[in-house]
Amino acid sequence: MTELFGDEADRAQALLREHRDSIDRLDAILVYTLAERFKQTQAVGRLKAEHDLPPADPEREARQIERLEWLSREADLDPEFARKFMAFVISEVIRHHEKLQR
């Protein structure tokens, strides 16, 4: 590992802070975006419960995962990670929808 001295170390620390600040902002965006997504899916769940529709829609879920895999490739994100992440989100949505139907 290369040791940094003086100005070089200060520049590295400043750059590290910038990267971490950016990561913190992106984390906040992710959390608020997920919260908004779940507000929308809760509205869908209430609508499904009111009209006695099934909590899961496997065809739509498969299309959403396929779409996310495509978007992830476009964004240079590992499609397998995107698929797993979306599968987790969908499973949580279905769990919420099932609770609304009780």
N, C-alpha and C. Protein backbone atom coordinates (compact mmCIF):
# COMPACT_ATOMS: atom_id res chain seq x y z
N MET A 1 0.84 -1.17 0.00
CA MET A 1 0.00 0.00 0.00
C MET A 1 0.89 1.24 0.00
N THR A 2 0.54 2.22 -0.81
CA THR A 2 1.32 3.44 -0.92
C THR A 2 0.94 4.41 0.19
N GLU A 3 1.95 4.95 0.83
CA GLU A 3 1.71 5.92 1.89
C GLU A 3 1.63 7.30 1.28
N LEU A 4 0.66 8.11 1.73
CA LEU A 4 0.49 9.47 1.22
C LEU A 4 1.01 10.47 2.24
N PHE A 5 1.61 11.55 1.71
CA PHE A 5 2.19 12.57 2.58
C PHE A 5 1.63 13.94 2.24
N GLY A 6 1.52 14.79 3.27
CA GLY A 6 1.22 16.20 3.11
C GLY A 6 0.00 16.49 2.26
N ASP A 7 0.20 17.33 1.24
CA ASP A 7 -0.89 17.78 0.36
C ASP A 7 -1.59 16.61 -0.32
N GLU A 8 -0.82 15.60 -0.67
CA GLU A 8 -1.40 14.43 -1.33
C GLU A 8 -2.39 13.72 -0.41
N ALA A 9 -2.03 13.58 0.84
CA ALA A 9 -2.92 12.96 1.82
C ALA A 9 -4.16 13.83 2.05
N ASP A 10 -3.97 15.13 2.11
CA ASP A 10 -5.10 16.05 2.29
C ASP A 10 -6.06 15.96 1.10
N ARG A 11 -5.51 15.90 -0.12
CA ARG A 11 -6.35 15.78 -1.32
C ARG A 11 -7.12 14.45 -1.31
N ALA A 12 -6.44 13.39 -0.90
CA ALA A 12 -7.09 12.08 -0.83
C ALA A 12 -8.24 12.11 0.18
N GLN A 13 -8.01 12.73 1.33
CA GLN A 13 -9.06 12.82 2.35
C GLN A 13 -10.23 13.66 1.85
N ALA A 14 -9.94 14.75 1.16
CA ALA A 14 -11.01 15.59 0.62
C ALA A 14 -11.81 14.84 -0.43
N LEU A 15 -11.14 14.10 -1.29
CA LEU A 15 -11.81 13.31 -2.31
C LEU A 15 -12.66 12.21 -1.67
N LEU A 16 -12.13 11.58 -0.65
CA LEU A 16 -12.88 10.55 0.08
C LEU A 16 -14.15 11.14 0.68
N ARG A 17 -14.03 12.33 1.29
CA ARG A 17 -15.21 13.00 1.86
C ARG A 17 -16.24 13.29 0.77
N GLU A 18 -15.79 13.75 -0.40
CA GLU A 18 -16.72 14.04 -1.51
C GLU A 18 -17.46 12.78 -1.95
N HIS A 19 -16.73 11.69 -2.09
CA HIS A 19 -17.37 10.43 -2.48
C HIS A 19 -18.38 9.99 -1.43
N ARG A 20 -18.00 10.07 -0.18
CA ARG A 20 -18.90 9.66 0.89
C ARG A 20 -20.13 10.56 0.99
N ASP A 21 -19.94 11.87 0.79
CA ASP A 21 -21.08 12.78 0.78
C ASP A 21 -22.04 12.43 -0.35
N SER A 22 -21.48 12.10 -1.51
CA SER A 22 -22.31 11.70 -2.65
C SER A 22 -23.07 10.41 -2.33
N ILE A 23 -22.39 9.45 -1.74
CA ILE A 23 -23.03 8.19 -1.35
C ILE A 23 -24.16 8.46 -0.36
N ASP A 24 -23.94 9.33 0.60
CA ASP A 24 -24.97 9.67 1.59
C ASP A 24 -26.20 10.28 0.91
N ARG A 25 -25.98 11.18 -0.06
CA ARG A 25 -27.10 11.79 -0.79
C ARG A 25 -27.86 10.72 -1.58
N LEU A 26 -27.12 9.84 -2.23
CA LEU A 26 -27.76 8.78 -3.01
C LEU A 26 -28.54 7.82 -2.11
N ASP A 27 -28.01 7.52 -0.94
CA ASP A 27 -28.75 6.67 0.01
C ASP A 27 -30.07 7.33 0.40
N ALA A 28 -30.04 8.63 0.63
CA ALA A 28 -31.27 9.35 0.98
C ALA A 28 -32.26 9.29 -0.18
N ILE A 29 -31.77 9.46 -1.40
CA ILE A 29 -32.64 9.37 -2.57
C ILE A 29 -33.27 7.98 -2.66
N LEU A 30 -32.48 6.95 -2.44
CA LEU A 30 -33.00 5.58 -2.47
C LEU A 30 -34.10 5.38 -1.45
N VAL A 31 -33.87 5.82 -0.23
CA VAL A 31 -34.86 5.63 0.84
C VAL A 31 -36.15 6.37 0.52
N TYR A 32 -36.06 7.62 0.11
CA TYR A 32 -37.27 8.38 -0.20
C TYR A 32 -37.98 7.83 -1.43
N THR A 33 -37.21 7.34 -2.41
CA THR A 33 -37.81 6.74 -3.61
C THR A 33 -38.54 5.45 -3.24
N LEU A 34 -37.91 4.62 -2.41
CA LEU A 34 -38.58 3.40 -1.96
C LEU A 34 -39.85 3.72 -1.17
N ALA A 35 -39.78 4.73 -0.32
CA ALA A 35 -40.96 5.12 0.46
C ALA A 35 -42.09 5.53 -0.47
N GLU A 36 -41.79 6.31 -1.49
CA GLU A 36 -42.81 6.74 -2.45
C GLU A 36 -43.35 5.54 -3.22
N ARG A 37 -42.48 4.63 -3.60
CA ARG A 37 -42.92 3.43 -4.32
C ARG A 37 -43.88 2.62 -3.45
N PHE A 38 -43.55 2.46 -2.17
CA PHE A 38 -44.42 1.69 -1.29
C PHE A 38 -45.74 2.41 -1.03
N LYS A 39 -45.75 3.73 -1.05
CA LYS A 39 -47.03 4.45 -0.93
C LYS A 39 -47.93 4.10 -2.12
N GLN A 40 -47.34 4.05 -3.31
CA GLN A 40 -48.11 3.70 -4.50
C GLN A 40 -48.59 2.26 -4.46
N THR A 41 -47.72 1.35 -4.03
CA THR A 41 -48.12 -0.06 -3.99
C THR A 41 -49.15 -0.30 -2.89
N GLN A 42 -49.11 0.48 -1.82
CA GLN A 42 -50.15 0.37 -0.79
C GLN A 42 -51.51 0.77 -1.37
N ALA A 43 -51.51 1.82 -2.19
CA ALA A 43 -52.76 2.24 -2.84
C ALA A 43 -53.27 1.12 -3.76
N VAL A 44 -52.36 0.47 -4.47
CA VAL A 44 -52.74 -0.66 -5.32
C VAL A 44 -53.30 -1.78 -4.45
N GLY A 45 -52.65 -2.06 -3.33
CA GLY A 45 -53.11 -3.12 -2.43
C GLY A 45 -54.50 -2.85 -1.89
N ARG A 46 -54.77 -1.60 -1.53
CA ARG A 46 -56.11 -1.25 -1.04
C ARG A 46 -57.16 -1.44 -2.14
N LEU A 47 -56.81 -1.04 -3.35
CA LEU A 47 -57.71 -1.21 -4.48
C LEU A 47 -57.98 -2.69 -4.74
N LYS A 48 -56.93 -3.50 -4.70
CA LYS A 48 -57.10 -4.94 -4.90
C LYS A 48 -57.99 -5.53 -3.80
N ALA A 49 -57.77 -5.12 -2.56
CA ALA A 49 -58.57 -5.65 -1.45
C ALA A 49 -60.03 -5.25 -1.61
N GLU A 50 -60.29 -4.01 -2.00
CA GLU A 50 -61.67 -3.52 -2.17
C GLU A 50 -62.41 -4.28 -3.26
N HIS A 51 -61.68 -4.71 -4.27
CA HIS A 51 -62.31 -5.37 -5.43
C HIS A 51 -62.02 -6.87 -5.48
N ASP A 52 -61.56 -7.40 -4.35
CA ASP A 52 -61.32 -8.83 -4.22
C ASP A 52 -60.41 -9.37 -5.34
N LEU A 53 -59.37 -8.62 -5.64
CA LEU A 53 -58.38 -9.05 -6.64
C LEU A 53 -57.22 -9.73 -5.92
N PRO A 54 -56.55 -10.66 -6.59
CA PRO A 54 -55.44 -11.37 -5.92
C PRO A 54 -54.30 -10.42 -5.57
N PRO A 55 -53.62 -10.67 -4.45
CA PRO A 55 -52.53 -9.79 -4.02
C PRO A 55 -51.31 -9.85 -4.94
N ALA A 56 -51.13 -10.94 -5.65
CA ALA A 56 -49.97 -11.10 -6.54
C ALA A 56 -50.43 -11.10 -7.99
N ASP A 57 -49.56 -10.61 -8.86
CA ASP A 57 -49.79 -10.62 -10.30
C ASP A 57 -48.51 -11.13 -10.95
N PRO A 58 -48.34 -12.46 -11.03
CA PRO A 58 -47.08 -13.03 -11.51
C PRO A 58 -46.64 -12.54 -12.89
N GLU A 59 -47.60 -12.30 -13.79
CA GLU A 59 -47.21 -11.81 -15.13
C GLU A 59 -46.58 -10.43 -15.04
N ARG A 60 -47.21 -9.53 -14.28
CA ARG A 60 -46.65 -8.18 -14.13
C ARG A 60 -45.30 -8.25 -13.42
N GLU A 61 -45.22 -9.07 -12.39
CA GLU A 61 -43.97 -9.18 -11.64
C GLU A 61 -42.84 -9.65 -12.54
N ALA A 62 -43.11 -10.62 -13.40
CA ALA A 62 -42.09 -11.11 -14.33
C ALA A 62 -41.68 -10.01 -15.31
N ARG A 63 -42.67 -9.24 -15.79
CA ARG A 63 -42.35 -8.13 -16.71
C ARG A 63 -41.50 -7.07 -16.00
N GLN A 64 -41.84 -6.79 -14.74
CA GLN A 64 -41.09 -5.78 -13.99
C GLN A 64 -39.63 -6.22 -13.78
N ILE A 65 -39.44 -7.48 -13.44
CA ILE A 65 -38.08 -7.98 -13.23
C ILE A 65 -37.31 -7.93 -14.54
N GLU A 66 -37.95 -8.34 -15.63
CA GLU A 66 -37.30 -8.28 -16.94
C GLU A 66 -36.93 -6.83 -17.30
N ARG A 67 -37.84 -5.92 -17.04
CA ARG A 67 -37.59 -4.49 -17.32
C ARG A 67 -36.42 -3.97 -16.48
N LEU A 68 -36.39 -4.34 -15.20
CA LEU A 68 -35.31 -3.90 -14.32
C LEU A 68 -33.97 -4.48 -14.74
N GLU A 69 -33.98 -5.72 -15.21
CA GLU A 69 -32.73 -6.31 -15.71
C GLU A 69 -32.23 -5.53 -16.92
N TRP A 70 -33.14 -5.16 -17.83
CA TRP A 70 -32.77 -4.38 -19.00
C TRP A 70 -32.23 -3.01 -18.58
N LEU A 71 -32.95 -2.34 -17.69
CA LEU A 71 -32.50 -1.03 -17.20
C LEU A 71 -31.14 -1.13 -16.52
N SER A 72 -30.94 -2.19 -15.77
CA SER A 72 -29.66 -2.33 -15.08
C SER A 72 -28.50 -2.48 -16.08
N ARG A 73 -28.74 -3.23 -17.15
CA ARG A 73 -27.69 -3.34 -18.17
C ARG A 73 -27.41 -1.97 -18.79
N GLU A 74 -28.47 -1.21 -19.06
CA GLU A 74 -28.31 0.14 -19.61
C GLU A 74 -27.52 1.04 -18.65
N ALA A 75 -27.73 0.85 -17.36
CA ALA A 75 -27.09 1.68 -16.33
C ALA A 75 -25.74 1.13 -15.88
N ASP A 76 -25.32 0.03 -16.48
CA ASP A 76 -24.06 -0.62 -16.11
C ASP A 76 -24.09 -1.10 -14.65
N LEU A 77 -25.22 -1.70 -14.28
CA LEU A 77 -25.40 -2.31 -12.97
C LEU A 77 -25.58 -3.80 -13.18
N ASP A 78 -25.08 -4.59 -12.30
CA ASP A 78 -25.18 -6.04 -12.41
C ASP A 78 -26.66 -6.45 -12.49
N PRO A 79 -27.11 -7.03 -13.62
CA PRO A 79 -28.52 -7.42 -13.76
C PRO A 79 -28.97 -8.43 -12.71
N GLU A 80 -28.08 -9.30 -12.27
CA GLU A 80 -28.43 -10.28 -11.25
C GLU A 80 -28.76 -9.57 -9.93
N PHE A 81 -27.96 -8.56 -9.60
CA PHE A 81 -28.25 -7.76 -8.40
C PHE A 81 -29.61 -7.08 -8.54
N ALA A 82 -29.87 -6.48 -9.70
CA ALA A 82 -31.14 -5.79 -9.92
C ALA A 82 -32.31 -6.77 -9.81
N ARG A 83 -32.15 -7.98 -10.35
CA ARG A 83 -33.20 -8.98 -10.29
C ARG A 83 -33.48 -9.37 -8.84
N LYS A 84 -32.43 -9.62 -8.08
CA LYS A 84 -32.60 -10.01 -6.67
C LYS A 84 -33.23 -8.88 -5.86
N PHE A 85 -32.79 -7.66 -6.11
CA PHE A 85 -33.34 -6.51 -5.39
C PHE A 85 -34.83 -6.36 -5.70
N MET A 86 -35.19 -6.44 -6.99
CA MET A 86 -36.59 -6.28 -7.36
C MET A 86 -37.43 -7.42 -6.83
N ALA A 87 -36.90 -8.63 -6.85
CA ALA A 87 -37.64 -9.77 -6.31
C ALA A 87 -37.93 -9.55 -4.82
N PHE A 88 -36.97 -8.99 -4.10
CA PHE A 88 -37.19 -8.69 -2.68
C PHE A 88 -38.28 -7.63 -2.51
N VAL A 89 -38.20 -6.57 -3.30
CA VAL A 89 -39.20 -5.50 -3.21
C VAL A 89 -40.59 -6.06 -3.52
N ILE A 90 -40.69 -6.85 -4.58
CA ILE A 90 -41.98 -7.42 -4.95
C ILE A 90 -42.52 -8.32 -3.84
N SER A 91 -41.66 -9.12 -3.23
CA SER A 91 -42.12 -9.99 -2.15
C SER A 91 -42.66 -9.18 -0.98
N GLU A 92 -42.05 -8.04 -0.69
CA GLU A 92 -42.54 -7.16 0.38
C GLU A 92 -43.89 -6.56 -0.01
N VAL A 93 -44.03 -6.16 -1.25
CA VAL A 93 -45.30 -5.58 -1.71
C VAL A 93 -46.41 -6.62 -1.58
N ILE A 94 -46.15 -7.83 -2.02
CA ILE A 94 -47.16 -8.89 -1.93
C ILE A 94 -47.52 -9.15 -0.47
N ARG A 95 -46.51 -9.16 0.40
CA ARG A 95 -46.78 -9.36 1.83
C ARG A 95 -47.71 -8.28 2.36
N HIS A 96 -47.47 -7.04 1.97
CA HIS A 96 -48.35 -5.94 2.40
C HIS A 96 -49.75 -6.11 1.82
N HIS A 97 -49.83 -6.52 0.56
CA HIS A 97 -51.14 -6.71 -0.07
C HIS A 97 -51.92 -7.82 0.62
N GLU A 98 -51.23 -8.88 0.99
CA GLU A 98 -51.91 -9.99 1.69
C GLU A 98 -52.45 -9.52 3.04
N LYS A 99 -51.68 -8.68 3.75
CA LYS A 99 -52.16 -8.16 5.03
C LYS A 99 -53.41 -7.31 4.86
N LEU A 100 -53.48 -6.56 3.77
CA LEU A 100 -54.65 -5.70 3.52
C LEU A 100 -55.89 -6.51 3.22
N GLN A 101 -55.73 -7.73 2.73
CA GLN A 101 -56.88 -8.56 2.37
C GLN A 101 -57.45 -9.33 3.53
N ARG A 102 -56.84 -9.26 4.69
CA ARG A 102 -57.34 -9.99 5.85
C ARG A 102 -58.46 -9.24 6.53
